[in-house]
Amino acid sequence: MNYSDVLDKLEESELELFERDLKEGYVQKYIDRKKEFFKIKDKTCPVCGNTVNEDCLVLIWGEPSIRKKAHFCGIDCLEYFLQKKINIGSKTDQKSKDAIKRIKNNI
């Protein structure tokens, strides 16, 4: 989806609000915050403490307004995190097991 698709979906009143926010700099501030979110701030894996590279594994979770993000040095650390820290593994439901398998298969 590109910006023209988003703008095409706005009603007239929403478009006027967007235009005002754009002129007052709120859109740029939001873009800057979003870019900052994607940068790696903590350069260590939360599981083993190894330094992570720019091409590390990233897990983003939570409600859209309070997203959390963690960077992992390898699939083993990501799997451990999912199983132990978020307690997905302890619930042993098939949906959780399938999610972990999909992550492993996509790497």
PDB file of N, CA and C in Angstrom:
ATOM      1  N   MET A   1       0.855  -1.178   0.000  1.00  0.00           N
ATOM      2  CA  MET A   1       0.000   0.000   0.000  1.00  0.00           C
ATOM      3  C   MET A   1       0.898   1.237   0.000  1.00  0.00           C
ATOM      4  N   ASN A   2       0.559   2.211  -0.830  1.00  0.00           N
ATOM      5  CA  ASN A   2       1.335   3.446  -0.854  1.00  0.00           C
ATOM      6  C   ASN A   2       0.480   4.601  -0.325  1.00  0.00           C
ATOM      7  N   TYR A   3       1.079   5.756  -0.216  1.00  0.00           N
ATOM      8  CA  TYR A   3       0.381   6.881   0.398  1.00  0.00           C
ATOM      9  C   TYR A   3      -0.856   7.313  -0.382  1.00  0.00           C
ATOM     10  N   SER A   4      -0.865   7.162  -1.696  1.00  0.00           N
ATOM     11  CA  SER A   4      -2.044   7.571  -2.474  1.00  0.00           C
ATOM     12  C   SER A   4      -3.233   6.652  -2.174  1.00  0.00           C
ATOM     13  N   ASP A   5      -2.962   5.367  -1.906  1.00  0.00           N
ATOM     14  CA  ASP A   5      -4.044   4.454  -1.527  1.00  0.00           C
ATOM     15  C   ASP A   5      -4.677   4.886  -0.207  1.00  0.00           C
ATOM     16  N   VAL A   6      -3.833   5.305   0.724  1.00  0.00           N
ATOM     17  CA  VAL A   6      -4.330   5.753   2.032  1.00  0.00           C
ATOM     18  C   VAL A   6      -5.151   7.031   1.872  1.00  0.00           C
ATOM     19  N   LEU A   7      -4.628   7.978   1.119  1.00  0.00           N
ATOM     20  CA  LEU A   7      -5.337   9.247   0.934  1.00  0.00           C
ATOM     21  C   LEU A   7      -6.659   9.066   0.204  1.00  0.00           C
ATOM     22  N   ASP A   8      -6.716   8.127  -0.732  1.00  0.00           N
ATOM     23  CA  ASP A   8      -7.959   7.875  -1.468  1.00  0.00           C
ATOM     24  C   ASP A   8      -9.081   7.374  -0.559  1.00  0.00           C
ATOM     25  N   LYS A   9      -8.722   6.755   0.546  1.00  0.00           N
ATOM     26  CA  LYS A   9      -9.727   6.198   1.456  1.00  0.00           C
ATOM     27  C   LYS A   9     -10.252   7.209   2.468  1.00  0.00           C
ATOM     28  N   LEU A  10      -9.636   8.389   2.539  1.00  0.00           N
ATOM     29  CA  LEU A  10     -10.054   9.390   3.513  1.00  0.00           C
ATOM     30  C   LEU A  10     -11.295  10.141   3.057  1.00  0.00           C
ATOM     31  N   GLU A  11     -12.175  10.431   4.005  1.00  0.00           N
ATOM     32  CA  GLU A  11     -13.321  11.304   3.751  1.00  0.00           C
ATOM     33  C   GLU A  11     -12.813  12.749   3.698  1.00  0.00           C
ATOM     34  N   GLU A  12     -13.651  13.661   3.260  1.00  0.00           N
ATOM     35  CA  GLU A  12     -13.224  15.048   3.115  1.00  0.00           C
ATOM     36  C   GLU A  12     -12.752  15.647   4.436  1.00  0.00           C
ATOM     37  N   SER A  13     -13.485  15.403   5.509  1.00  0.00           N
ATOM     38  CA  SER A  13     -13.100  15.965   6.814  1.00  0.00           C
ATOM     39  C   SER A  13     -11.777  15.368   7.304  1.00  0.00           C
ATOM     40  N   GLU A  14     -11.576  14.078   7.052  1.00  0.00           N
ATOM     41  CA  GLU A  14     -10.331  13.431   7.452  1.00  0.00           C
ATOM     42  C   GLU A  14      -9.154  13.963   6.637  1.00  0.00           C
ATOM     43  N   LEU A  15      -9.402  14.219   5.367  1.00  0.00           N
ATOM     44  CA  LEU A  15      -8.366  14.763   4.495  1.00  0.00           C
ATOM     45  C   LEU A  15      -7.960  16.164   4.952  1.00  0.00           C
ATOM     46  N   GLU A  16      -8.942  16.972   5.362  1.00  0.00           N
ATOM     47  CA  GLU A  16      -8.638  18.316   5.861  1.00  0.00           C
ATOM     48  C   GLU A  16      -7.826  18.252   7.149  1.00  0.00           C
ATOM     49  N   LEU A  17      -8.155  17.306   8.037  1.00  0.00           N
ATOM     50  CA  LEU A  17      -7.382  17.126   9.264  1.00  0.00           C
ATOM     51  C   LEU A  17      -5.955  16.681   8.951  1.00  0.00           C
ATOM     52  N   PHE A  18      -5.824  15.773   8.009  1.00  0.00           N
ATOM     53  CA  PHE A  18      -4.499  15.309   7.601  1.00  0.00           C
ATOM     54  C   PHE A  18      -3.677  16.466   7.027  1.00  0.00           C
ATOM     55  N   GLU A  19      -4.306  17.280   6.196  1.00  0.00           N
ATOM     56  CA  GLU A  19      -3.604  18.410   5.595  1.00  0.00           C
ATOM     57  C   GLU A  19      -3.123  19.380   6.682  1.00  0.00           C
ATOM     58  N   ARG A  20      -3.971  19.640   7.663  1.00  0.00           N
ATOM     59  CA  ARG A  20      -3.595  20.533   8.756  1.00  0.00           C
ATOM     60  C   ARG A  20      -2.417  19.935   9.546  1.00  0.00           C
ATOM     61  N   ASP A  21      -2.502  18.632   9.863  1.00  0.00           N
ATOM     62  CA  ASP A  21      -1.419  17.963  10.589  1.00  0.00           C
ATOM     63  C   ASP A  21      -0.124  17.983   9.794  1.00  0.00           C
ATOM     64  N   LEU A  22      -0.230  17.847   8.478  1.00  0.00           N
ATOM     65  CA  LEU A  22       0.943  17.885   7.613  1.00  0.00           C
ATOM     66  C   LEU A  22       1.603  19.259   7.653  1.00  0.00           C
ATOM     67  N   LYS A  23       0.787  20.313   7.567  1.00  0.00           N
ATOM     68  CA  LYS A  23       1.313  21.682   7.583  1.00  0.00           C
ATOM     69  C   LYS A  23       1.935  22.034   8.926  1.00  0.00           C
ATOM     70  N   GLU A  24       1.371  21.498  10.010  1.00  0.00           N
ATOM     71  CA  GLU A  24       1.864  21.828  11.354  1.00  0.00           C
ATOM     72  C   GLU A  24       3.023  20.931  11.798  1.00  0.00           C
ATOM     73  N   GLY A  25       3.406  19.993  10.954  1.00  0.00           N
ATOM     74  CA  GLY A  25       4.577  19.177  11.254  1.00  0.00           C
ATOM     75  C   GLY A  25       4.306  17.906  12.035  1.00  0.00           C
ATOM     76  N   TYR A  26       3.040  17.610  12.338  1.00  0.00           N
ATOM     77  CA  TYR A  26       2.731  16.419  13.120  1.00  0.00           C
ATOM     78  C   TYR A  26       3.011  15.133  12.347  1.00  0.00           C
ATOM     79  N   VAL A  27       2.803  15.163  11.044  1.00  0.00           N
ATOM     80  CA  VAL A  27       3.040  13.968  10.224  1.00  0.00           C
ATOM     81  C   VAL A  27       4.528  13.640  10.217  1.00  0.00           C
ATOM     82  N   GLN A  28       5.373  14.646  10.086  1.00  0.00           N
ATOM     83  CA  GLN A  28       6.823  14.415  10.089  1.00  0.00           C
ATOM     84  C   GLN A  28       7.284  13.882  11.445  1.00  0.00           C
ATOM     85  N   LYS A  29       6.710  14.405  12.525  1.00  0.00           N
ATOM     86  CA  LYS A  29       7.062  13.902  13.859  1.00  0.00           C
ATOM     87  C   LYS A  29       6.677  12.437  13.999  1.00  0.00           C
ATOM     88  N   TYR A  30       5.528  12.072  13.478  1.00  0.00           N
ATOM     89  CA  TYR A  30       5.089  10.671  13.535  1.00  0.00           C
ATOM     90  C   TYR A  30       6.026   9.779  12.717  1.00  0.00           C
ATOM     91  N   ILE A  31       6.392  10.243  11.533  1.00  0.00           N
ATOM     92  CA  ILE A  31       7.309   9.483  10.682  1.00  0.00           C
ATOM     93  C   ILE A  31       8.651   9.308  11.387  1.00  0.00           C
ATOM     94  N   ASP A  32       9.141  10.356  12.013  1.00  0.00           N
ATOM     95  CA  ASP A  32      10.413  10.273  12.733  1.00  0.00           C
ATOM     96  C   ASP A  32      10.347   9.272  13.880  1.00  0.00           C
ATOM     97  N   ARG A  33       9.232   9.264  14.633  1.00  0.00           N
ATOM     98  CA  ARG A  33       9.064   8.295  15.724  1.00  0.00           C
ATOM     99  C   ARG A  33       9.016   6.877  15.192  1.00  0.00           C
ATOM    100  N   LYS A  34       8.330   6.691  14.072  1.00  0.00           N
ATOM    101  CA  LYS A  34       8.211   5.365  13.465  1.00  0.00           C
ATOM    102  C   LYS A  34       9.584   4.870  12.998  1.00  0.00           C
ATOM    103  N   LYS A  35      10.381   5.738  12.393  1.00  0.00           N
ATOM    104  CA  LYS A  35      11.730   5.368  11.956  1.00  0.00           C
ATOM    105  C   LYS A  35      12.591   4.988  13.163  1.00  0.00           C
ATOM    106  N   GLU A  36      12.468   5.740  14.233  1.00  0.00           N
ATOM    107  CA  GLU A  36      13.234   5.467  15.447  1.00  0.00           C
ATOM    108  C   GLU A  36      12.876   4.105  16.018  1.00  0.00           C
ATOM    109  N   PHE A  37      11.612   3.715  15.899  1.00  0.00           N
ATOM    110  CA  PHE A  37      11.169   2.417  16.402  1.00  0.00           C
ATOM    111  C   PHE A  37      11.888   1.279  15.700  1.00  0.00           C
ATOM    112  N   PHE A  38      12.175   1.426  14.411  1.00  0.00           N
ATOM    113  CA  PHE A  38      12.787   0.353  13.647  1.00  0.00           C
ATOM    114  C   PHE A  38      14.302   0.271  13.810  1.00  0.00           C
ATOM    115  N   LYS A  39      14.916   1.279  14.407  1.00  0.00           N
ATOM    116  CA  LYS A  39      16.350   1.225  14.637  1.00  0.00           C
ATOM    117  C   LYS A  39      16.657   0.271  15.786  1.00  0.00           C
ATOM    118  N   ILE A  40      17.814  -0.364  15.715  1.00  0.00           N
ATOM    119  CA  ILE A  40      18.253  -1.244  16.797  1.00  0.00           C
ATOM    120  C   ILE A  40      18.899  -0.375  17.867  1.00  0.00           C
ATOM    121  N   LYS A  41      18.257  -0.288  19.023  1.00  0.00           N
ATOM    122  CA  LYS A  41      18.798   0.503  20.121  1.00  0.00           C
ATOM    123  C   LYS A  41      19.671  -0.359  21.020  1.00  0.00           C
ATOM    124  N   ASP A  42      19.131  -1.486  21.433  1.00  0.00           N
ATOM    125  CA  ASP A  42      19.875  -2.392  22.288  1.00  0.00           C
ATOM    126  C   ASP A  42      20.538  -3.419  21.395  1.00  0.00           C
ATOM    127  N   LYS A  43      21.816  -3.390  21.312  1.00  0.00           N
ATOM    128  CA  LYS A  43      22.553  -4.232  20.373  1.00  0.00           C
ATOM    129  C   LYS A  43      22.870  -5.616  20.936  1.00  0.00           C
ATOM    130  N   THR A  44      22.144  -6.047  21.950  1.00  0.00           N
ATOM    131  CA  THR A  44      22.391  -7.369  22.517  1.00  0.00           C
ATOM    132  C   THR A  44      21.136  -8.218  22.478  1.00  0.00           C
ATOM    133  N   CYS A  45      21.332  -9.512  22.308  1.00  0.00           N
ATOM    134  CA  CYS A  45      20.238 -10.487  22.319  1.00  0.00           C
ATOM    135  C   CYS A  45      19.718 -10.594  23.757  1.00  0.00           C
ATOM    136  N   PRO A  46      18.403 -10.500  23.987  1.00  0.00           N
ATOM    137  CA  PRO A  46      17.878 -10.551  25.350  1.00  0.00           C
ATOM    138  C   PRO A  46      18.007 -11.926  26.003  1.00  0.00           C
ATOM    139  N   VAL A  47      18.283 -12.959  25.218  1.00  0.00           N
ATOM    140  CA  VAL A  47      18.380 -14.309  25.764  1.00  0.00           C
ATOM    141  C   VAL A  47      19.809 -14.636  26.178  1.00  0.00           C
ATOM    142  N   CYS A  48      20.765 -14.477  25.247  1.00  0.00           N
ATOM    143  CA  CYS A  48      22.139 -14.913  25.523  1.00  0.00           C
ATOM    144  C   CYS A  48      23.118 -13.769  25.743  1.00  0.00           C
ATOM    145  N   GLY A  49      22.716 -12.547  25.386  1.00  0.00           N
ATOM    146  CA  GLY A  49      23.591 -11.401  25.585  1.00  0.00           C
ATOM    147  C   GLY A  49      24.590 -11.156  24.468  1.00  0.00           C
ATOM    148  N   ASN A  50      24.576 -11.979  23.420  1.00  0.00           N
ATOM    149  CA  ASN A  50      25.471 -11.761  22.273  1.00  0.00           C
ATOM    150  C   ASN A  50      25.090 -10.484  21.539  1.00  0.00           C
ATOM    151  N   THR A  51      26.063  -9.890  20.895  1.00  0.00           N
ATOM    152  CA  THR A  51      25.814  -8.703  20.077  1.00  0.00           C
ATOM    153  C   THR A  51      25.042  -9.117  18.828  1.00  0.00           C
ATOM    154  N   VAL A  52      24.038  -8.311  18.455  1.00  0.00           N
ATOM    155  CA  VAL A  52      23.252  -8.602  17.253  1.00  0.00           C
ATOM    156  C   VAL A  52      23.663  -7.653  16.136  1.00  0.00           C
ATOM    157  N   ASN A  53      23.529  -8.132  14.898  1.00  0.00           N
ATOM    158  CA  ASN A  53      23.843  -7.340  13.710  1.00  0.00           C
ATOM    159  C   ASN A  53      22.577  -6.695  13.177  1.00  0.00           C
ATOM    160  N   GLU A  54      22.737  -5.874  12.157  1.00  0.00           N
ATOM    161  CA  GLU A  54      21.586  -5.236  11.519  1.00  0.00           C
ATOM    162  C   GLU A  54      20.653  -6.257  10.870  1.00  0.00           C
ATOM    163  N   ASP A  55      21.178  -7.416  10.460  1.00  0.00           N
ATOM    164  CA  ASP A  55      20.354  -8.434   9.804  1.00  0.00           C
ATOM    165  C   ASP A  55      19.868  -9.506  10.789  1.00  0.00           C
ATOM    166  N   CYS A  56      19.679  -9.111  12.037  1.00  0.00           N
ATOM    167  CA  CYS A  56      19.257 -10.053  13.072  1.00  0.00           C
ATOM    168  C   CYS A  56      17.761 -10.380  12.949  1.00  0.00           C
ATOM    169  N   LEU A  57      17.311 -11.323  13.750  1.00  0.00           N
ATOM    170  CA  LEU A  57      15.891 -11.668  13.811  1.00  0.00           C
ATOM    171  C   LEU A  57      15.198 -10.678  14.739  1.00  0.00           C
ATOM    172  N   VAL A  58      14.025 -10.197  14.332  1.00  0.00           N
ATOM    173  CA  VAL A  58      13.302  -9.200  15.117  1.00  0.00           C
ATOM    174  C   VAL A  58      11.895  -9.709  15.389  1.00  0.00           C
ATOM    175  N   LEU A  59      11.483  -9.585  16.632  1.00  0.00           N
ATOM    176  CA  LEU A  59      10.120  -9.939  17.027  1.00  0.00           C
ATOM    177  C   LEU A  59       9.433  -8.673  17.505  1.00  0.00           C
ATOM    178  N   ILE A  60       8.287  -8.357  16.893  1.00  0.00           N
ATOM    179  CA  ILE A  60       7.489  -7.194  17.283  1.00  0.00           C
ATOM    180  C   ILE A  60       6.137  -7.720  17.723  1.00  0.00           C
ATOM    181  N   TRP A  61       5.687  -7.324  18.930  1.00  0.00           N
ATOM    182  CA  TRP A  61       4.416  -7.818  19.429  1.00  0.00           C
ATOM    183  C   TRP A  61       3.740  -6.740  20.277  1.00  0.00           C
ATOM    184  N   GLY A  62       2.485  -6.964  20.574  1.00  0.00           N
ATOM    185  CA  GLY A  62       1.728  -6.050  21.420  1.00  0.00           C
ATOM    186  C   GLY A  62       0.708  -5.245  20.652  1.00  0.00           C
ATOM    187  N   GLU A  63      -0.070  -4.505  21.406  1.00  0.00           N
ATOM    188  CA  GLU A  63      -1.072  -3.618  20.832  1.00  0.00           C
ATOM    189  C   GLU A  63      -0.383  -2.560  19.966  1.00  0.00           C
ATOM    190  N   PRO A  64      -1.034  -2.087  18.917  1.00  0.00           N
ATOM    191  CA  PRO A  64      -0.391  -1.101  18.032  1.00  0.00           C
ATOM    192  C   PRO A  64       0.127   0.150  18.761  1.00  0.00           C
ATOM    193  N   SER A  65      -0.546   0.569  19.795  1.00  0.00           N
ATOM    194  CA  SER A  65      -0.115   1.782  20.484  1.00  0.00           C
ATOM    195  C   SER A  65       1.041   1.541  21.451  1.00  0.00           C
ATOM    196  N   ILE A  66       1.252   0.279  21.847  1.00  0.00           N
ATOM    197  CA  ILE A  66       2.333  -0.026  22.793  1.00  0.00           C
ATOM    198  C   ILE A  66       3.162  -1.214  22.309  1.00  0.00           C
ATOM    199  N   ARG A  67       3.589  -1.157  21.086  1.00  0.00           N
ATOM    200  CA  ARG A  67       4.377  -2.241  20.507  1.00  0.00           C
ATOM    201  C   ARG A  67       5.673  -2.440  21.287  1.00  0.00           C
ATOM    202  N   LYS A  68       6.105  -3.699  21.369  1.00  0.00           N
ATOM    203  CA  LYS A  68       7.386  -4.046  21.955  1.00  0.00           C
ATOM    204  C   LYS A  68       8.207  -4.726  20.878  1.00  0.00           C
ATOM    205  N   LYS A  69       9.527  -4.625  21.013  1.00  0.00           N
ATOM    206  CA  LYS A  69      10.398  -5.163  19.986  1.00  0.00           C
ATOM    207  C   LYS A  69      11.634  -5.752  20.648  1.00  0.00           C
ATOM    208  N   ALA A  70      12.068  -6.919  20.149  1.00  0.00           N
ATOM    209  CA  ALA A  70      13.292  -7.545  20.628  1.00  0.00           C
ATOM    210  C   ALA A  70      14.074  -8.072  19.433  1.00  0.00           C
ATOM    211  N   HIS A  71      15.405  -8.019  19.540  1.00  0.00           N
ATOM    212  CA  HIS A  71      16.307  -8.476  18.477  1.00  0.00           C
ATOM    213  C   HIS A  71      17.040  -9.719  18.965  1.00  0.00           C
ATOM    214  N   PHE A  72      17.141 -10.729  18.103  1.00  0.00           N
ATOM    215  CA  PHE A  72      17.745 -12.000  18.486  1.00  0.00           C
ATOM    216  C   PHE A  72      18.889 -12.345  17.543  1.00  0.00           C
ATOM    217  N   CYS A  73      19.926 -12.976  18.096  1.00  0.00           N
ATOM    218  CA  CYS A  73      21.100 -13.336  17.293  1.00  0.00           C
ATOM    219  C   CYS A  73      20.878 -14.616  16.502  1.00  0.00           C
ATOM    220  N   GLY A  74      19.943 -15.453  16.899  1.00  0.00           N
ATOM    221  CA  GLY A  74      19.699 -16.703  16.189  1.00  0.00           C
ATOM    222  C   GLY A  74      18.324 -17.265  16.480  1.00  0.00           C
ATOM    223  N   ILE A  75      17.957 -18.264  15.693  1.00  0.00           N
ATOM    224  CA  ILE A  75      16.638 -18.885  15.829  1.00  0.00           C
ATOM    225  C   ILE A  75      16.485 -19.572  17.184  1.00  0.00           C
ATOM    226  N   ASP A  76      17.580 -20.114  17.730  1.00  0.00           N
ATOM    227  CA  ASP A  76      17.487 -20.791  19.015  1.00  0.00           C
ATOM    228  C   ASP A  76      17.104 -19.815  20.129  1.00  0.00           C
ATOM    229  N   CYS A  77      17.653 -18.614  20.085  1.00  0.00           N
ATOM    230  CA  CYS A  77      17.302 -17.610  21.094  1.00  0.00           C
ATOM    231  C   CYS A  77      15.861 -17.124  20.922  1.00  0.00           C
ATOM    232  N   LEU A  78      15.438 -16.938  19.679  1.00  0.00           N
ATOM    233  CA  LEU A  78      14.059 -16.536  19.423  1.00  0.00           C
ATOM    234  C   LEU A  78      13.091 -17.599  19.924  1.00  0.00           C
ATOM    235  N   GLU A  79      13.394 -18.851  19.635  1.00  0.00           N
ATOM    236  CA  GLU A  79      12.531 -19.945  20.081  1.00  0.00           C
ATOM    237  C   GLU A  79      12.470 -20.006  21.606  1.00  0.00           C
ATOM    238  N   TYR A  80      13.612 -19.869  22.261  1.00  0.00           N
ATOM    239  CA  TYR A  80      13.647 -19.883  23.722  1.00  0.00           C
ATOM    240  C   TYR A  80      12.794 -18.752  24.285  1.00  0.00           C
ATOM    241  N   PHE A  81      12.947 -17.574  23.699  1.00  0.00           N
ATOM    242  CA  PHE A  81      12.180 -16.410  24.140  1.00  0.00           C
ATOM    243  C   PHE A  81      10.686 -16.671  24.018  1.00  0.00           C
ATOM    244  N   LEU A  82      10.272 -17.213  22.876  1.00  0.00           N
ATOM    245  CA  LEU A  82       8.857 -17.489  22.659  1.00  0.00           C
ATOM    246  C   LEU A  82       8.335 -18.534  23.643  1.00  0.00           C
ATOM    247  N   GLN A  83       9.137 -19.541  23.909  1.00  0.00           N
ATOM    248  CA  GLN A  83       8.684 -20.616  24.782  1.00  0.00           C
ATOM    249  C   GLN A  83       8.709 -20.225  26.256  1.00  0.00           C
ATOM    250  N   LYS A  84       9.745 -19.542  26.693  1.00  0.00           N
ATOM    251  CA  LYS A  84       9.925 -19.277  28.114  1.00  0.00           C
ATOM    252  C   LYS A  84       9.438 -17.899  28.564  1.00  0.00           C
ATOM    253  N   LYS A  85       9.822 -16.897  27.856  1.00  0.00           N
ATOM    254  CA  LYS A  85       9.538 -15.531  28.303  1.00  0.00           C
ATOM    255  C   LYS A  85       8.108 -15.090  28.044  1.00  0.00           C
ATOM    256  N   ILE A  86       7.541 -15.508  26.937  1.00  0.00           N
ATOM    257  CA  ILE A  86       6.172 -15.123  26.619  1.00  0.00           C
ATOM    258  C   ILE A  86       5.209 -16.255  26.962  1.00  0.00           C
ATOM    259  N   ASN A  87       5.728 -17.365  27.380  1.00  0.00           N
ATOM    260  CA  ASN A  87       4.941 -18.530  27.818  1.00  0.00           C
ATOM    261  C   ASN A  87       4.092 -19.149  26.723  1.00  0.00           C
ATOM    262  N   ILE A  88       4.480 -18.980  25.482  1.00  0.00           N
ATOM    263  CA  ILE A  88       3.756 -19.644  24.401  1.00  0.00           C
ATOM    264  C   ILE A  88       3.969 -21.145  24.496  1.00  0.00           C
ATOM    265  N   GLY A  89       5.200 -21.552  24.763  1.00  0.00           N
ATOM    266  CA  GLY A  89       5.522 -22.966  24.821  1.00  0.00           C
ATOM    267  C   GLY A  89       4.850 -23.696  25.965  1.00  0.00           C
ATOM    268  N   SER A  90       4.570 -23.019  27.063  1.00  0.00           N
ATOM    269  CA  SER A  90       3.984 -23.703  28.208  1.00  0.00           C
ATOM    270  C   SER A  90       2.510 -24.016  28.017  1.00  0.00           C
ATOM    271  N   LYS A  91       1.866 -23.380  27.058  1.00  0.00           N
ATOM    272  CA  LYS A  91       0.435 -23.624  26.850  1.00  0.00           C
ATOM    273  C   LYS A  91       0.185 -24.815  25.934  1.00  0.00           C
ATOM    274  N   THR A  92       1.202 -25.322  25.306  1.00  0.00           N
ATOM    275  CA  THR A  92       1.182 -26.510  24.453  1.00  0.00           C
ATOM    276  C   THR A  92      -0.022 -26.613  23.508  1.00  0.00           C
ATOM    277  N   ASP A  93      -0.594 -25.499  23.133  1.00  0.00           N
ATOM    278  CA  ASP A  93      -1.684 -25.581  22.162  1.00  0.00           C
ATOM    279  C   ASP A  93      -1.100 -25.681  20.755  1.00  0.00           C
ATOM    280  N   GLN A  94      -1.826 -26.267  19.863  1.00  0.00           N
ATOM    281  CA  GLN A  94      -1.342 -26.525  18.512  1.00  0.00           C
ATOM    282  C   GLN A  94      -1.050 -25.232  17.763  1.00  0.00           C
ATOM    283  N   LYS A  95      -1.822 -24.191  18.018  1.00  0.00           N
ATOM    284  CA  LYS A  95      -1.622 -22.917  17.341  1.00  0.00           C
ATOM    285  C   LYS A  95      -0.233 -22.352  17.647  1.00  0.00           C
ATOM    286  N   SER A  96       0.192 -22.437  18.897  1.00  0.00           N
ATOM    287  CA  SER A  96       1.511 -21.935  19.285  1.00  0.00           C
ATOM    288  C   SER A  96       2.618 -22.770  18.674  1.00  0.00           C
ATOM    289  N   LYS A  97       2.464 -24.081  18.680  1.00  0.00           N
ATOM    290  CA  LYS A  97       3.470 -24.955  18.083  1.00  0.00           C
ATOM    291  C   LYS A  97       3.599 -24.676  16.586  1.00  0.00           C
ATOM    292  N   ASP A  98       2.475 -24.477  15.919  1.00  0.00           N
ATOM    293  CA  ASP A  98       2.491 -24.184  14.489  1.00  0.00           C
ATOM    294  C   ASP A  98       3.198 -22.855  14.208  1.00  0.00           C
ATOM    295  N   ALA A  99       2.982 -21.859  15.072  1.00  0.00           N
ATOM    296  CA  ALA A  99       3.620 -20.555  14.886  1.00  0.00           C
ATOM    297  C   ALA A  99       5.137 -20.681  14.980  1.00  0.00           C
ATOM    298  N   ILE A 100       5.627 -21.444  15.942  1.00  0.00           N
ATOM    299  CA  ILE A 100       7.065 -21.634  16.091  1.00  0.00           C
ATOM    300  C   ILE A 100       7.625 -22.383  14.887  1.00  0.00           C
ATOM    301  N   LYS A 101       6.914 -23.386  14.392  1.00  0.00           N
ATOM    302  CA  LYS A 101       7.364 -24.120  13.211  1.00  0.00           C
ATOM    303  C   LYS A 101       7.440 -23.207  11.992  1.00  0.00           C
ATOM    304  N   ARG A 102       6.432 -22.325  11.818  1.00  0.00           N
ATOM    305  CA  ARG A 102       6.436 -21.403  10.677  1.00  0.00           C
ATOM    306  C   ARG A 102       7.640 -20.470  10.747  1.00  0.00           C
ATOM    307  N   ILE A 103       7.946 -19.992  11.940  1.00  0.00           N
ATOM    308  CA  ILE A 103       9.106 -19.098  12.096  1.00  0.00           C
ATOM    309  C   ILE A 103      10.378 -19.839  11.704  1.00  0.00           C
ATOM    310  N   LYS A 104      10.535 -21.056  12.188  1.00  0.00           N
ATOM    311  CA  LYS A 104      11.734 -21.843  11.858  1.00  0.00           C
ATOM    312  C   LYS A 104      11.833 -22.108  10.366  1.00  0.00           C
ATOM    313  N   ASN A 105      10.719 -22.429   9.731  1.00  0.00           N
ATOM    314  CA  ASN A 105      10.726 -22.753   8.305  1.00  0.00           C
ATOM    315  C   ASN A 105      10.994 -21.549   7.422  1.00  0.00           C
ATOM    316  N   ASN A 106      10.657 -20.350   7.903  1.00  0.00           N
ATOM    317  CA  ASN A 106      10.849 -19.147   7.099  1.00  0.00           C
ATOM    318  C   ASN A 106      12.235 -18.554   7.222  1.00  0.00           C
ATOM    319  N   ILE A 107      13.076 -19.124   8.043  1.00  0.00           N
ATOM    320  CA  ILE A 107      14.426 -18.591   8.231  1.00  0.00           C
ATOM    321  C   ILE A 107      15.420 -19.390   7.435  1.00  0.00           C
TER     322      ILE A 107
END
